Amino acid sequence: MSLAAISICESLIVALKERKLLDADEIDEAIRSGIESHMRAEPSVVSAETHADAAQLMERILTGANAIRAAAHL
């Protein structure tokens, strides 16, 4: 399920960049905002460990080579 969500988000970000609706800085800011949200999230239905894992994954997306990063720098 999580991989499907990541794939959908990746496709949406690429499409928004290709249509010039988001630029590289806006894409980076959206990812950073997600990271901060997960780092500040209080455990409830989702554990603190799951929030930390999500933040770490987004950190890798922000710094790594993937379709989202490639789109950010088209």
Protein backbone atom coordinates (compact mmCIF):
# COMPACT_ATOMS: atom_id res chain seq x y z
CA MET A 1 0.00 0.00 0.00
CA SER A 2 2.74 2.47 0.90
CA LEU A 3 4.61 1.86 -2.33
CA ALA A 4 1.48 2.64 -4.31
CA ALA A 5 1.08 5.94 -2.46
CA ILE A 6 4.71 6.86 -3.09
CA SER A 7 4.37 6.02 -6.80
CA ILE A 8 1.21 8.13 -7.13
CA CYS A 9 2.82 11.10 -5.36
CA GLU A 10 5.95 10.77 -7.44
CA SER A 11 3.89 10.81 -10.65
CA LEU A 12 1.90 13.83 -9.47
CA ILE A 13 5.03 15.79 -8.60
CA VAL A 14 6.62 14.98 -11.95
CA ALA A 15 3.44 16.03 -13.78
CA LEU A 16 3.20 19.31 -11.82
CA LYS A 17 6.83 20.10 -12.62
CA GLU A 18 6.46 19.24 -16.31
CA ARG A 19 3.43 21.52 -16.55
CA LYS A 20 5.42 24.27 -14.80
CA LEU A 21 2.98 24.41 -11.91
CA LEU A 22 5.78 23.74 -9.39
CA ASP A 23 9.43 24.67 -9.61
CA ALA A 24 12.37 22.87 -7.99
CA ASP A 25 12.29 25.04 -4.86
CA GLU A 26 8.57 24.41 -4.36
CA ILE A 27 9.06 20.66 -4.72
CA ASP A 28 11.90 20.73 -2.18
CA GLU A 29 9.78 22.81 0.19
CA ALA A 30 6.86 20.38 -0.07
CA ILE A 31 9.15 17.47 0.80
CA ARG A 32 10.75 19.41 3.68
CA SER A 33 7.31 20.30 5.00
CA GLY A 34 6.37 16.62 5.00
CA ILE A 35 9.56 15.74 6.84
CA GLU A 36 8.90 18.37 9.50
CA SER A 37 5.31 17.21 9.92
CA HIS A 38 6.39 13.64 10.57
CA MET A 39 9.17 14.73 12.92
CA ARG A 40 6.69 16.74 15.02
CA ALA A 41 3.82 14.24 14.85
CA GLU A 42 2.49 12.81 18.06
CA PRO A 43 2.07 9.04 18.03
CA SER A 44 -1.57 8.02 17.89
CA VAL A 45 -2.83 5.54 15.34
CA VAL A 46 0.61 5.81 13.73
CA SER A 47 3.58 5.02 15.97
CA ALA A 48 6.49 7.38 16.55
CA GLU A 49 8.72 4.84 14.79
CA THR A 50 6.51 4.91 11.68
CA HIS A 51 6.62 8.72 11.63
CA ALA A 52 10.42 8.59 11.95
CA ASP A 53 10.62 6.05 9.12
CA ALA A 54 8.47 8.29 6.90
CA ALA A 55 10.67 11.30 7.66
CA GLN A 56 13.81 9.29 6.86
CA LEU A 57 12.34 8.12 3.55
CA MET A 58 11.50 11.70 2.58
CA GLU A 59 15.05 12.75 3.54
CA ARG A 60 16.37 10.13 1.12
CA ILE A 61 14.01 11.40 -1.58
CA LEU A 62 15.18 14.97 -0.95
CA THR A 63 18.86 14.07 -1.23
CA GLY A 64 18.75 11.07 -3.57
CA ALA A 65 18.54 10.31 -7.24
CA ASN A 66 14.98 9.40 -8.19
CA ALA A 67 12.21 10.58 -10.47
CA ILE A 68 11.10 13.31 -8.07
CA ARG A 69 14.61 14.77 -7.89
CA ALA A 70 15.04 14.43 -11.63
CA ALA A 71 11.75 16.28 -12.17
CA ALA A 72 12.77 19.03 -9.79
CA HIS A 73 15.76 19.80 -11.93
CA LEU A 74 14.24 19.53 -15.44
